Protein backbone atom coordinates (compact mmCIF):
# COMPACT_ATOMS: atom_id res chain seq x y z
CA MET A 1 101.36 123.60 151.68
CA PRO A 2 102.40 127.04 151.80
CA VAL A 3 100.36 128.74 149.81
CA ALA A 4 104.03 130.92 147.80
CA LEU A 5 104.58 126.88 146.94
CA THR A 6 101.19 126.11 145.70
CA ALA A 7 101.16 129.89 143.53
CA ARG A 8 104.92 128.77 142.06
CA LEU A 9 103.16 124.71 141.14
CA SER A 10 100.19 126.42 139.44
CA PRO A 11 101.68 125.91 136.03
CA VAL A 12 102.26 122.61 135.90
CA VAL A 13 97.93 122.51 135.24
CA VAL A 14 98.95 124.27 132.07
CA LEU A 15 102.04 122.37 131.30
CA ALA A 16 100.54 119.29 131.84
CA ALA A 17 97.26 120.27 129.70
CA ALA A 18 99.70 121.94 126.88
CA GLY A 19 101.45 118.47 126.68
CA TRP A 20 99.23 116.05 126.38
CA ALA A 21 97.45 118.37 123.80
CA LEU A 22 101.08 118.53 121.50
CA SER A 23 101.39 113.74 122.65
CA SER A 24 97.72 113.47 121.00
CA GLY A 25 97.85 115.07 118.34
CA PRO A 26 98.39 113.86 114.90
CA LEU A 27 101.94 112.28 114.13
CA ALA A 28 103.85 112.87 111.19
CA ALA A 29 106.92 111.53 109.50
CA THR A 30 109.36 111.21 105.67
CA PRO A 31 112.54 111.35 104.49
CA ALA A 32 113.21 113.44 101.30
CA THR A 33 114.10 110.62 99.25
CA GLU A 34 112.53 109.25 96.55
CA HIS A 35 111.10 105.85 95.82
CA LYS A 36 112.08 104.24 92.73
CA ASP A 37 111.00 100.94 90.74
CA SER A 38 112.87 98.36 90.77
CA PRO A 39 114.22 98.13 86.81
CA LYS A 40 112.25 95.12 85.13
CA THR A 41 114.24 92.41 84.20
CA GLY A 42 114.12 90.24 81.00
CA THR A 43 111.45 87.60 82.31
CA GLN A 44 109.23 90.36 83.60
CA SER A 45 105.90 91.49 82.17
CA ALA A 46 104.92 94.55 81.67
CA THR A 47 101.80 94.76 83.10
CA ALA A 48 102.62 92.54 85.69
CA PRO A 49 101.90 94.04 89.18
CA SER A 50 104.78 95.40 91.40
CA THR A 51 104.61 93.23 94.80
CA SER A 52 107.38 95.90 96.85
CA ALA A 53 104.89 98.57 96.36
CA ALA A 54 102.25 96.67 98.59
CA SER A 55 104.11 95.33 100.70
CA LYS A 56 104.22 96.81 104.61
CA ALA A 57 108.11 95.92 106.02
CA TYR A 58 105.76 96.90 110.18
CA THR A 59 101.71 95.80 110.56
CA ALA A 60 101.12 96.34 114.06
CA ALA A 61 102.84 99.17 116.55
CA PRO A 62 104.82 98.17 119.57
CA ALA A 63 104.39 98.58 122.90
CA PRO A 64 105.55 102.24 123.36
CA CYS A 65 105.27 102.32 127.32
CA THR A 66 108.27 99.24 126.95
CA SER A 67 109.85 101.20 124.12
CA VAL A 68 112.39 102.93 127.03
CA ALA A 69 114.83 101.97 129.24
CA LYS A 70 113.54 102.23 132.26
CA LYS A 71 116.60 104.00 133.79
CA THR A 72 116.64 106.30 130.73
CA ILE A 73 113.03 107.04 131.89
CA THR A 74 114.36 107.90 135.32
CA SER A 75 117.14 110.65 133.75
CA LEU A 76 114.93 112.29 131.51
CA VAL A 77 111.83 112.36 133.39
CA PRO A 78 113.15 112.24 137.26
CA GLY A 79 110.06 111.30 139.91
CA ALA A 80 108.32 109.80 136.80
CA LYS A 81 106.52 106.02 137.34
CA THR A 82 109.01 103.57 134.71
CA ALA A 83 105.93 102.20 133.68
CA GLY A 84 104.05 105.70 132.31
CA ARG A 85 100.37 105.92 129.98
CA GLU A 86 99.57 104.90 127.15
CA ILE A 87 97.05 107.37 125.24
CA PRO A 88 94.11 105.85 124.52
CA SER A 89 93.59 104.88 120.02
CA THR A 90 91.15 104.80 117.80
CA ASP A 91 93.87 101.94 116.41
CA THR A 92 96.41 100.57 118.30
CA LYS A 93 97.71 98.15 115.40
CA VAL A 94 98.90 101.95 113.33
CA ARG A 95 99.43 104.05 116.32
CA ARG A 96 100.16 104.19 119.61
CA THR A 97 101.82 106.68 122.30
CA CYS A 98 102.89 106.36 126.02
CA SER A 99 103.65 109.47 127.86
CA TRP A 100 105.92 110.07 131.21
CA ASN A 101 105.14 113.65 133.48
CA ALA A 102 106.89 114.22 136.50
CA LEU A 103 107.71 117.00 138.93
CA LYS A 104 110.06 116.58 141.14
CA GLY A 105 111.00 119.79 143.18
CA TYR A 106 110.50 123.08 140.74
CA ASP A 107 112.25 121.08 137.95
CA TYR A 108 109.22 119.32 135.41
CA ARG A 109 109.99 116.94 132.28
CA TRP A 110 107.11 115.58 129.89
CA LEU A 111 108.33 112.97 127.67
CA ASP A 112 106.45 111.07 124.86
CA VAL A 113 106.81 108.02 122.46
CA SER A 114 104.28 107.88 120.08
CA TYR A 115 104.60 104.75 117.07
CA GLU A 116 102.52 105.41 113.55
CA LEU A 117 102.41 102.84 110.83
CA MET A 118 101.50 104.23 107.08
CA GLU A 119 100.43 102.13 104.44
CA SER A 120 103.46 102.34 102.65
CA ASP A 121 106.82 103.95 102.74
CA GLU A 122 106.21 106.33 99.75
CA ALA A 123 102.75 107.76 102.36
CA ALA A 124 105.40 107.76 105.39
CA ARG A 125 108.07 109.64 103.32
CA LYS A 126 105.28 111.89 102.34
CA SER A 127 104.53 112.77 105.94
CA TYR A 128 107.46 112.72 107.28
CA GLN A 129 108.44 115.23 105.35
CA GLU A 130 105.56 117.56 106.29
CA THR A 131 106.70 117.80 109.94
CA VAL A 132 110.10 118.59 108.77
CA THR A 133 108.37 121.74 106.32
CA ASP A 134 106.39 122.31 109.06
CA LYS A 135 108.76 122.22 111.88
CA SER A 136 111.45 124.33 109.73
CA GLY A 137 114.79 125.63 111.58
CA GLY A 138 115.79 122.00 112.78
CA GLY A 139 118.35 119.08 111.51
CA ASP A 140 119.04 115.93 110.46
CA VAL A 141 119.68 112.88 113.03
CA PRO A 142 122.36 110.87 111.05
CA GLY A 143 122.11 106.53 111.11
CA VAL A 144 118.89 106.29 113.00
CA GLY A 145 116.19 104.50 110.85
CA ASP A 146 116.02 105.86 106.99
CA SER A 147 115.74 109.46 107.93
CA GLY A 148 115.60 111.04 111.17
CA TYR A 149 114.77 115.08 111.90
CA SER A 150 115.17 116.69 114.70
CA VAL A 151 114.00 120.66 116.23
CA VAL A 152 114.15 122.16 119.44
CA ASN A 153 111.68 125.84 120.00
CA LEU A 154 111.57 127.78 123.55
CA THR A 155 108.59 129.11 124.36
CA THR A 156 107.63 131.97 127.23
CA GLU A 157 104.13 132.81 128.84
CA ASP A 158 103.56 134.78 131.98
CA LYS A 159 107.93 134.61 131.82
CA GLN A 160 107.75 131.27 132.64
CA GLN A 161 109.78 129.83 129.75
CA THR A 162 109.51 125.83 128.66
CA ARG A 163 111.48 124.51 126.32
CA GLU A 164 110.44 121.02 124.17
CA GLY A 165 112.50 118.89 121.12
CA MET A 166 110.99 116.98 118.33
CA VAL A 167 112.35 114.08 116.97
CA VAL A 168 110.97 112.83 113.99
CA ILE A 169 112.36 109.03 112.10
CA ARG A 170 111.23 107.24 109.59
CA VAL A 171 111.79 103.26 109.57
CA SER A 172 110.58 102.03 106.30
CA ASN A 173 106.42 102.80 106.83
CA ALA A 174 106.51 103.59 110.65
CA LEU A 175 107.14 106.75 111.96
CA VAL A 176 109.18 106.87 114.98
CA THR A 177 107.92 110.92 117.15
CA ILE A 178 109.61 111.86 120.09
CA THR A 179 108.24 114.97 121.98
CA TYR A 180 110.44 116.41 125.31
CA ASN A 181 109.63 119.46 127.33
CA GLY A 182 111.09 120.71 130.51
CA SER A 183 110.58 123.79 133.02
CA ASP A 184 112.45 124.98 136.17
CA PHE A 185 109.64 126.23 138.28
CA GLU A 186 111.77 128.06 140.82
CA THR A 187 113.75 130.17 138.53
CA LYS A 188 111.37 130.11 134.95
CA LYS A 189 113.82 129.47 133.32
CA ALA A 190 114.21 125.98 130.34
CA PRO A 191 116.46 123.55 130.12
CA SER A 192 119.29 124.22 127.82
CA THR A 193 118.84 123.31 124.11
CA ASN A 194 121.32 120.67 124.56
CA GLU A 195 119.54 118.69 127.25
CA ILE A 196 116.36 118.47 125.71
CA ASN A 197 117.74 118.11 122.15
CA ARG A 198 120.01 115.10 123.57
CA GLY A 199 117.61 113.50 125.70
CA ALA A 200 114.27 113.73 122.98
CA ILE A 201 117.58 111.83 120.79
CA LYS A 202 117.88 109.27 123.15
CA ALA A 203 114.76 108.16 123.47
CA ALA A 204 114.22 108.46 120.08
CA LYS A 205 117.68 105.46 119.30
CA GLU A 206 115.58 103.42 121.69
CA ALA A 207 112.14 103.57 119.92
CA VAL A 208 113.45 102.63 116.99
CA ALA A 209 115.46 99.81 117.81
CA THR A 210 112.48 98.56 119.96
CA LEU A 211 110.16 98.63 116.22
CA GLU A 212 113.41 96.89 114.49
CA GLY A 213 113.72 95.00 116.78
CA GLY A 214 110.28 93.91 116.42
CA GLN A 215 108.82 91.23 114.48
CA LYS A 216 108.03 91.82 111.04
CA ASN A 217 105.92 90.99 108.27
C-alpha cells in the first residue's frame, strides 16, 4: 500500500478505539413522564401490595446483532459484515450490544445497537431522563416506544471531522440506545447531520420493533 494511503487510513485506529469506548460504556435512557399508581378500587385493601409496581414487561434482552435488517446494515455501514460483533457483557439477560464498522474507500462508518433492561419502568424513566439531561441539544423522537430522544454532535481532531448521532428509546423497562458515526478521510469532512440522524433513527426503529416483537414476561 502506498505510504500516502497508509497515512490517510491511520485515523481509523483512533476512531475505532473511540467508538468502542463509547459503545462499551454504561447505557442510559428514560422518559420525562411521571409514573402514577392506579387508583384503589372499593375492593382493594389500603395495605394490599401493588403487583404492577413490581412487574416488568421485559426480562431478557434480544440478540442485538439480528435486531436490525441486513439491508439496513449494508446501507448505514457500507462494507461491514452484516453479522456484526457482539460486545462481551457481564449479564447478557439485561445488557447486550452489537457493533458494525467498516472503511469503504476513505469513508468510515460505525454503528452500535444496545439493549439494557432495568428493574422497573420508573428506573428506566430515571435513567432516560439523566441521558437527555447529560446529552443536551437534541430533540424528541416521536412515535417510537414510550419516549425517544436524538442528538447529533460534531467533533474535530487533527483537522479530521467526525459526526456522531445517538438515539435513546424507552419501551417500558427497556432502554434501546443507538450510536452511529462517520468520517471521510479524504476530504476530512464528516457526513451531514441529516444523514447521521436519519440513519440512527432508522436503526432505532428496527431495534425497538425487534424488542416489541419478542416474548414479554
